[in-house]
Structures are given as C-alpha cells and as structure tokens.
Amino acid sequence: MISRRVIFVLALGAGLAALGPQVACAQQQQYLEEAIAETKEAIAAGKQSLSSSFVEHVDVAYDRARSAVWQNPVESIRKGIKALRKATKLAKGTNSEKRMAKATEQAEFALQQFESAR
C-alpha cells in the first residue's frame, strides 16, 4: 500500500511540473522587458555620442536578452542579440560620429526585434 506521504510528494511534484513553463515564460518576459529598457537607454546615449555609456547599456541589454533567449529560444531575440554585438563592436573606443550613428542604428534594429518578440 502506498503511504499518504508518497502520494503527497507525487502530487506536489506534478503540480510544480505544471507550473514550470509558466514561471519560465514570466522570467523570459521580465528579461525581455529589461533588455528593451536598457536598449532604449543605449539609443539615447548613442544619439548624444556618449560611447562609454552606450556600450555599458548595450552590454546590460545583451546579458538580459541572452537570459531571455535561454529561457525560450525565439529567432527575433537572437537577431536582436546579433545586432547588439555589432553595435558594441562599432562603438567601443570611438568618438567618431559616423561610427556612433551606425552603432545606434544597430541598437534601434535590436529594439525592433525585441519588441516584436513580446
């Protein structure tokens, strides 16, 4: 005969397993929202040609987007991550207006991709 404790543990495990995808989806949404907010901050810094601030915000947005795509692989988030990497490469160590404009364009493209994944 199965004890009540075993039945309780099995029922609890089944209940937690059912909640797993919902929790993962909520975490992905939170990470995605943080990535969007940081990308917007990066764009604002890029339009002012503040390369160090731009790179800092892009790095944080990149980390949050990677966390979101880890929870649930979505192609538009991956495209946004790729654009953020390009933006970082363009903006690191430069004061060139032209390079900062290109980096900002990449960040704007990433923002579009992240917003389409909502």
C-alpha atoms as a PDB file:
ATOM      1  CA  MET A   1       0.000   0.000   0.000  1.00  0.00           C
ATOM      2  CA  ILE A   2       1.278   3.474  -0.894  1.00  0.00           C
ATOM      3  CA  SER A   3       1.623   5.813   2.043  1.00  0.00           C
ATOM      4  CA  ARG A   4      -0.001   9.206   2.184  1.00  0.00           C
ATOM      5  CA  ARG A   5       3.415  10.868   2.161  1.00  0.00           C
ATOM      6  CA  VAL A   6       4.359   9.269  -1.144  1.00  0.00           C
ATOM      7  CA  ILE A   7       1.045  10.301  -2.690  1.00  0.00           C
ATOM      8  CA  PHE A   8       1.520  13.859  -1.380  1.00  0.00           C
ATOM      9  CA  VAL A   9       5.060  14.095  -2.778  1.00  0.00           C
ATOM     10  CA  LEU A  10       3.946  12.763  -6.168  1.00  0.00           C
ATOM     11  CA  ALA A  11       1.036  15.223  -6.309  1.00  0.00           C
ATOM     12  CA  LEU A  12       3.272  18.105  -5.272  1.00  0.00           C
ATOM     13  CA  GLY A  13       5.836  17.183  -7.938  1.00  0.00           C
ATOM     14  CA  ALA A  14       3.160  17.016 -10.629  1.00  0.00           C
ATOM     15  CA  GLY A  15       1.811  20.408  -9.580  1.00  0.00           C
ATOM     16  CA  LEU A  16       5.250  22.009  -9.682  1.00  0.00           C
ATOM     17  CA  ALA A  17       5.964  20.444 -13.055  1.00  0.00           C
ATOM     18  CA  ALA A  18       2.799  22.023 -14.408  1.00  0.00           C
ATOM     19  CA  LEU A  19       3.868  25.453 -13.119  1.00  0.00           C
ATOM     20  CA  GLY A  20       7.374  25.204 -14.613  1.00  0.00           C
ATOM     21  CA  PRO A  21       6.567  26.515 -18.122  1.00  0.00           C
ATOM     22  CA  GLN A  22       4.517  29.409 -16.732  1.00  0.00           C
ATOM     23  CA  VAL A  23       7.338  30.518 -14.461  1.00  0.00           C
ATOM     24  CA  ALA A  24       9.855  30.239 -17.319  1.00  0.00           C
ATOM     25  CA  CYS A  25       7.621  32.337 -19.580  1.00  0.00           C
ATOM     26  CA  ALA A  26       7.259  35.002 -16.900  1.00  0.00           C
ATOM     27  CA  GLN A  27      11.022  35.106 -16.404  1.00  0.00           C
ATOM     28  CA  GLN A  28      11.610  35.383 -20.134  1.00  0.00           C
ATOM     29  CA  GLN A  29       9.177  38.291 -20.334  1.00  0.00           C
ATOM     30  CA  GLN A  30      10.914  40.032 -17.430  1.00  0.00           C
ATOM     31  CA  TYR A  31      14.335  39.608 -19.027  1.00  0.00           C
ATOM     32  CA  LEU A  32      12.977  40.815 -22.349  1.00  0.00           C
ATOM     33  CA  GLU A  33      11.461  43.932 -20.763  1.00  0.00           C
ATOM     34  CA  GLU A  34      14.781  44.695 -19.063  1.00  0.00           C
ATOM     35  CA  ALA A  35      16.604  44.246 -22.377  1.00  0.00           C
ATOM     36  CA  ILE A  36      14.181  46.641 -24.063  1.00  0.00           C
ATOM     37  CA  ALA A  37      14.627  49.271 -21.335  1.00  0.00           C
ATOM     38  CA  GLU A  38      18.427  49.049 -21.496  1.00  0.00           C
ATOM     39  CA  THR A  39      18.396  49.188 -25.285  1.00  0.00           C
ATOM     40  CA  LYS A  40      16.320  52.373 -25.145  1.00  0.00           C
ATOM     41  CA  GLU A  41      18.864  53.867 -22.727  1.00  0.00           C
ATOM     42  CA  ALA A  42      21.667  52.855 -25.081  1.00  0.00           C
ATOM     43  CA  ILE A  43      19.934  54.517 -28.023  1.00  0.00           C
ATOM     44  CA  ALA A  44      19.549  57.732 -26.038  1.00  0.00           C
ATOM     45  CA  ALA A  45      23.269  57.652 -25.149  1.00  0.00           C
ATOM     46  CA  GLY A  46      24.186  56.862 -28.753  1.00  0.00           C
ATOM     47  CA  LYS A  47      22.261  59.840 -30.072  1.00  0.00           C
ATOM     48  CA  GLN A  48      24.295  62.018 -27.708  1.00  0.00           C
ATOM     49  CA  SER A  49      27.529  60.315 -28.905  1.00  0.00           C
ATOM     50  CA  LEU A  50      28.341  59.033 -25.412  1.00  0.00           C
ATOM     51  CA  SER A  51      30.183  55.886 -26.442  1.00  0.00           C
ATOM     52  CA  SER A  52      31.113  54.593 -22.979  1.00  0.00           C
ATOM     53  CA  SER A  53      27.557  54.943 -21.669  1.00  0.00           C
ATOM     54  CA  PHE A  54      26.238  53.432 -24.898  1.00  0.00           C
ATOM     55  CA  VAL A  55      28.479  50.382 -24.545  1.00  0.00           C
ATOM     56  CA  GLU A  56      27.531  49.899 -20.877  1.00  0.00           C
ATOM     57  CA  HIS A  57      23.806  49.917 -21.654  1.00  0.00           C
ATOM     58  CA  VAL A  58      24.272  47.649 -24.657  1.00  0.00           C
ATOM     59  CA  ASP A  59      26.231  45.162 -22.536  1.00  0.00           C
ATOM     60  CA  VAL A  60      23.466  45.007 -19.931  1.00  0.00           C
ATOM     61  CA  ALA A  61      20.805  44.679 -22.649  1.00  0.00           C
ATOM     62  CA  TYR A  62      22.861  41.904 -24.248  1.00  0.00           C
ATOM     63  CA  ASP A  63      23.026  39.983 -20.957  1.00  0.00           C
ATOM     64  CA  ARG A  64      19.279  40.327 -20.372  1.00  0.00           C
ATOM     65  CA  ALA A  65      18.451  39.297 -23.937  1.00  0.00           C
ATOM     66  CA  ARG A  66      20.682  36.233 -23.627  1.00  0.00           C
ATOM     67  CA  SER A  67      18.858  35.280 -20.445  1.00  0.00           C
ATOM     68  CA  ALA A  68      15.524  35.677 -22.239  1.00  0.00           C
ATOM     69  CA  VAL A  69      16.581  33.577 -25.213  1.00  0.00           C
ATOM     70  CA  TRP A  70      17.959  30.940 -22.869  1.00  0.00           C
ATOM     71  CA  GLN A  71      14.503  30.569 -21.317  1.00  0.00           C
ATOM     72  CA  ASN A  72      12.812  30.196 -24.697  1.00  0.00           C
ATOM     73  CA  PRO A  73      14.732  30.378 -27.991  1.00  0.00           C
ATOM     74  CA  VAL A  74      12.988  32.962 -30.163  1.00  0.00           C
ATOM     75  CA  GLU A  75      14.508  33.939 -33.521  1.00  0.00           C
ATOM     76  CA  SER A  76      13.736  37.655 -33.239  1.00  0.00           C
ATOM     77  CA  ILE A  77      15.542  37.843 -29.888  1.00  0.00           C
ATOM     78  CA  ARG A  78      18.540  36.106 -31.459  1.00  0.00           C
ATOM     79  CA  LYS A  79      18.569  38.684 -34.265  1.00  0.00           C
ATOM     80  CA  GLY A  80      18.440  41.457 -31.675  1.00  0.00           C
ATOM     81  CA  ILE A  81      21.371  39.921 -29.792  1.00  0.00           C
ATOM     82  CA  LYS A  82      23.376  39.796 -33.006  1.00  0.00           C
ATOM     83  CA  ALA A  83      22.621  43.474 -33.665  1.00  0.00           C
ATOM     84  CA  LEU A  84      23.724  44.381 -30.128  1.00  0.00           C
ATOM     85  CA  ARG A  85      27.054  42.613 -30.662  1.00  0.00           C
ATOM     86  CA  LYS A  86      27.584  44.628 -33.835  1.00  0.00           C
ATOM     87  CA  ALA A  87      26.662  47.828 -32.014  1.00  0.00           C
ATOM     88  CA  THR A  88      29.222  47.110 -29.306  1.00  0.00           C
ATOM     89  CA  LYS A  89      31.971  46.445 -31.839  1.00  0.00           C
ATOM     90  CA  LEU A  90      31.188  49.686 -33.635  1.00  0.00           C
ATOM     91  CA  ALA A  91      31.024  51.873 -30.524  1.00  0.00           C
ATOM     92  CA  LYS A  92      33.883  50.546 -28.390  1.00  0.00           C
ATOM     93  CA  GLY A  93      36.731  53.007 -28.075  1.00  0.00           C
ATOM     94  CA  THR A  94      35.492  55.524 -30.619  1.00  0.00           C
ATOM     95  CA  ASN A  95      34.447  59.151 -30.664  1.00  0.00           C
ATOM     96  CA  SER A  96      33.561  59.087 -34.340  1.00  0.00           C
ATOM     97  CA  GLU A  97      30.104  60.486 -35.038  1.00  0.00           C
ATOM     98  CA  LYS A  98      29.717  58.214 -38.057  1.00  0.00           C
ATOM     99  CA  ARG A  99      30.513  55.017 -36.140  1.00  0.00           C
ATOM    100  CA  MET A 100      28.265  56.043 -33.263  1.00  0.00           C
ATOM    101  CA  ALA A 101      25.427  56.668 -35.738  1.00  0.00           C
ATOM    102  CA  LYS A 102      25.889  53.161 -37.187  1.00  0.00           C
ATOM    103  CA  ALA A 103      26.042  51.660 -33.701  1.00  0.00           C
ATOM    104  CA  THR A 104      22.851  53.477 -32.758  1.00  0.00           C
ATOM    105  CA  GLU A 105      21.156  52.132 -35.890  1.00  0.00           C
ATOM    106  CA  GLN A 106      22.117  48.606 -34.833  1.00  0.00           C
ATOM    107  CA  ALA A 107      20.681  49.224 -31.362  1.00  0.00           C
ATOM    108  CA  GLU A 108      17.454  50.544 -32.915  1.00  0.00           C
ATOM    109  CA  PHE A 109      17.207  47.398 -35.035  1.00  0.00           C
ATOM    110  CA  ALA A 110      17.743  45.283 -31.896  1.00  0.00           C
ATOM    111  CA  LEU A 111      14.973  47.209 -30.143  1.00  0.00           C
ATOM    112  CA  GLN A 112      12.583  46.474 -33.022  1.00  0.00           C
ATOM    113  CA  GLN A 113      13.431  42.780 -32.804  1.00  0.00           C
ATOM    114  CA  PHE A 114      12.926  42.675 -29.038  1.00  0.00           C
ATOM    115  CA  GLU A 115       9.608  44.493 -29.237  1.00  0.00           C
ATOM    116  CA  SER A 116       8.376  42.102 -31.927  1.00  0.00           C
ATOM    117  CA  ALA A 117       9.129  39.183 -29.587  1.00  0.00           C
ATOM    118  CA  ARG A 118       6.808  40.488 -26.868  1.00  0.00           C
END
